[in-house]
Protein backbone atom coordinates (compact mmCIF):
# COMPACT_ATOMS: atom_id res chain seq x y z
CA ASP A 1 24.78 -21.81 -5.97
CA ASP A 2 23.79 -22.23 -2.31
CA VAL A 3 26.33 -19.66 -1.15
CA PHE A 4 24.64 -16.84 -3.08
CA LYS A 5 20.97 -17.75 -2.43
CA VAL A 6 20.60 -15.14 0.30
CA VAL A 7 22.20 -12.41 -1.81
CA GLU A 8 20.15 -13.35 -4.87
CA ALA A 9 16.95 -13.37 -2.81
CA ARG A 10 17.78 -9.89 -1.53
CA ARG A 11 18.54 -8.72 -5.06
CA ASP A 12 15.17 -10.03 -6.25
CA TYR A 13 13.41 -8.32 -3.35
CA LEU A 14 15.12 -5.00 -4.10
CA LEU A 15 14.26 -5.26 -7.78
CA GLU A 16 10.60 -5.85 -6.86
CA GLN A 17 10.63 -2.79 -4.59
CA ILE A 18 12.22 -0.62 -7.28
CA GLN A 19 9.72 -1.84 -9.89
CA ALA A 20 6.90 -0.98 -7.47
CA GLY A 21 8.21 2.59 -7.37
CA HIS A 22 9.87 2.45 -3.93
CA ASP A 23 13.33 3.70 -3.16
CA ALA A 24 15.24 0.73 -1.75
CA HIS A 25 18.90 0.23 -0.84
CA PHE A 26 20.95 -2.84 -0.11
CA VAL A 27 21.16 -2.86 3.70
CA TYR A 28 22.88 -5.33 6.00
CA SER A 29 19.78 -6.45 7.85
CA THR A 30 20.76 -8.97 10.55
CA GLY A 31 20.68 -6.38 13.36
CA TRP A 32 17.51 -4.74 12.07
CA ASN A 33 15.78 -8.11 11.82
CA GLN A 34 16.64 -8.79 15.46
CA MET A 35 15.45 -5.31 16.47
CA PHE A 36 12.09 -5.43 14.73
CA GLY A 37 11.45 -9.17 14.88
CA ARG A 38 12.15 -9.78 18.55
CA GLY A 39 8.59 -10.80 19.28
CA PHE A 40 6.31 -10.33 22.24
CA ASP A 41 7.82 -8.74 25.35
CA TYR A 42 6.60 -10.90 28.23
CA LEU A 43 8.49 -8.90 30.87
CA LEU A 44 6.64 -5.69 30.06
CA TYR A 45 3.32 -7.51 29.79
CA ILE A 46 3.71 -9.15 33.21
CA PHE A 47 4.90 -5.91 34.79
CA ALA A 48 1.90 -3.94 33.52
CA LEU A 49 -0.44 -6.77 34.48
CA VAL A 50 0.82 -7.17 38.05
CA PHE A 51 1.55 -3.51 38.78
CA GLY A 52 -1.80 -2.27 37.48
CA ALA A 53 -3.75 -4.95 39.31
CA MET A 54 -2.13 -4.13 42.65
CA LEU A 55 -2.83 -0.38 42.68
CA PHE A 56 -6.49 -0.51 43.77
CA THR A 57 -6.91 -4.08 44.93
CA THR A 58 -4.58 -3.58 47.90
CA GLU A 59 -7.07 -1.08 49.35
CA TYR A 60 -9.86 -3.63 49.19
CA SER A 61 -7.77 -6.43 50.70
CA ALA A 62 -6.54 -4.16 53.53
CA GLY A 63 -10.05 -2.85 54.23
CA VAL A 64 -9.22 0.84 53.81
CA SER A 65 -11.39 1.45 50.76
CA GLY A 66 -14.32 2.55 52.94
CA ILE A 67 -12.20 5.09 54.79
CA LEU A 68 -11.00 6.68 51.55
CA ARG A 69 -14.56 7.13 50.32
CA ALA A 70 -15.52 8.89 53.55
CA THR A 71 -12.91 11.63 53.25
CA LYS A 72 -13.73 14.84 51.46
CA ARG A 73 -11.20 14.53 48.63
CA GLY A 74 -9.83 11.04 49.21
CA ARG A 75 -11.52 9.07 46.46
CA GLY A 76 -11.16 11.49 43.54
CA GLU A 77 -7.60 12.55 44.24
CA LEU A 78 -6.46 9.03 45.03
CA PHE A 79 -8.11 7.72 41.89
CA ALA A 80 -6.37 10.29 39.67
CA THR A 81 -3.03 9.82 41.46
CA LYS A 82 -3.10 6.06 41.00
CA TYR A 83 -3.80 6.43 37.29
CA VAL A 84 -0.90 8.87 36.96
CA ILE A 85 1.36 6.46 38.89
CA ALA A 86 0.32 3.59 36.60
CA VAL A 87 0.98 5.62 33.45
CA VAL A 88 4.36 6.92 34.63
CA ALA A 89 5.55 3.55 35.99
CA CYS A 90 4.52 1.65 32.84
CA ALA A 91 6.07 4.29 30.57
CA LEU A 92 9.33 4.25 32.55
CA MET A 93 9.47 0.45 32.55
CA ALA A 94 8.87 0.36 28.78
CA MET A 95 11.59 2.95 28.19
CA ILE A 96 14.06 1.14 30.44
CA CYS A 97 13.37 -2.20 28.73
CA GLY A 98 13.68 -0.52 25.33
CA TYR A 99 17.01 1.01 26.32
CA LEU A 100 18.32 -2.32 27.61
CA ASP A 101 17.18 -4.10 24.42
CA HIS A 102 18.87 -1.47 22.26
CA THR A 103 22.06 -1.65 24.30
CA LYS A 104 22.19 -5.44 24.07
CA LEU A 105 21.41 -5.53 20.36
CA THR A 106 23.87 -2.77 19.45
CA GLU A 107 26.61 -4.69 21.26
CA LEU A 108 25.81 -7.83 19.25
CA TYR A 109 24.98 -6.45 15.80
CA THR A 110 25.87 -3.68 13.40
CA PHE A 111 23.10 -1.21 12.62
CA ALA A 112 24.27 0.46 9.46
CA SER A 113 22.17 2.49 7.04
CA ALA A 114 19.55 3.88 9.44
CA THR A 115 18.89 6.61 6.89
CA ALA A 116 17.96 4.11 4.17
CA PRO A 117 14.29 3.81 3.20
CA VAL A 118 12.26 1.38 5.29
CA GLN A 119 11.46 -0.69 2.17
CA SER A 120 15.13 -1.67 2.07
CA LEU A 121 14.47 -4.27 4.76
CA PRO A 122 12.45 -7.32 3.70
CA ILE A 123 11.02 -7.63 7.22
CA LEU A 124 9.40 -4.19 6.73
CA GLY A 125 8.75 -4.42 3.01
CA GLY A 126 4.96 -4.31 3.36
CA ILE A 127 4.97 -0.80 4.79
CA GLY A 128 3.71 1.64 2.22
CA TRP A 129 4.98 4.77 3.96
CA ASP A 130 7.95 6.76 2.79
CA MET A 131 10.15 6.87 5.87
CA THR A 132 13.66 5.95 6.88
CA ILE A 133 14.57 2.97 9.04
CA HIS A 134 15.43 5.36 11.87
CA GLN A 135 12.01 7.04 11.66
CA TYR A 136 10.35 3.63 11.74
CA LEU A 137 12.44 2.70 14.79
CA MET A 138 11.20 5.81 16.61
CA LEU A 139 7.60 4.94 15.68
CA PHE A 140 8.16 1.33 16.77
CA GLU A 141 9.47 2.32 20.21
CA THR A 142 6.81 4.99 20.70
CA LEU A 143 4.06 2.48 19.99
CA ARG A 144 5.71 0.03 22.37
CA VAL A 145 5.59 2.58 25.20
CA VAL A 146 2.01 3.59 24.35
CA GLY A 147 0.94 -0.06 24.30
CA VAL A 148 2.40 -0.79 27.73
CA VAL A 149 0.86 2.39 29.16
CA LEU A 150 -2.52 1.47 27.69
CA LEU A 151 -2.29 -2.03 29.15
CA GLY A 152 -1.46 -0.61 32.58
CA PHE A 153 -4.30 1.90 32.27
CA ILE A 154 -6.81 -0.81 31.35
CA ASN A 155 -5.54 -3.02 34.14
CA VAL A 156 -6.03 -0.25 36.73
CA ALA A 157 -9.54 0.41 35.39
CA VAL A 158 -10.48 -3.27 35.69
CA SER A 159 -9.02 -3.50 39.20
CA VAL A 160 -11.50 -0.94 40.56
CA PRO A 161 -14.69 -3.03 40.14
CA SER A 162 -12.89 -6.38 40.38
CA LYS A 163 -11.54 -5.79 43.91
CA LYS A 164 -9.17 -8.80 43.73
CA SER A 165 -5.81 -8.74 42.00
CA VAL A 166 -6.07 -12.34 40.77
CA ASN A 167 -9.47 -11.64 39.17
CA THR A 168 -8.13 -8.45 37.61
CA MET A 169 -5.07 -10.14 36.14
CA ALA A 170 -7.14 -13.08 34.84
CA THR A 171 -9.72 -10.80 33.22
CA VAL A 172 -7.16 -8.54 31.54
CA ALA A 173 -5.05 -11.52 30.45
CA LEU A 174 -8.08 -13.21 28.87
CA VAL A 175 -9.08 -10.05 27.03
CA THR A 176 -5.57 -9.22 25.82
CA VAL A 177 -3.88 -12.57 25.23
CA VAL A 178 -6.68 -14.69 23.79
CA PRO A 179 -7.46 -12.50 20.74
């Protein structure tokens, strides 16, 4: 019967998980599928790309890079400060976007059974770790923040020798998007 195909497919999936030795529960998964399957976050990518490229390239375009090198502590302290600014700004942006995504999705969907094993969700069935859905959510969001911070960090590093923001963004985009 077409009406029960989804339920029967879920039953078959759960039976496979149980036979494989995993603890699996029947979980209403529409909200979790939206949470974990939302795809690439272009807003965060563009933010890290543009923000990181502008930190050092503005000095070169304004012509003040030579003055900073001439001061006793200008280059080293400025270099470290700009990296800290990039890390903090990218981390904050990732956390804000994560919060907004969670707020929007929790208004639209029900997120029941966060304490169920992660193998209960077919979208995460390939994970061999014994953890709850909530633990996986924390790992998911932590890796999202770390990824955005790493992209911002790489972008700042490329902007130092590149000296032009367009070249920096193009180089980092080619290296990160093409693979």
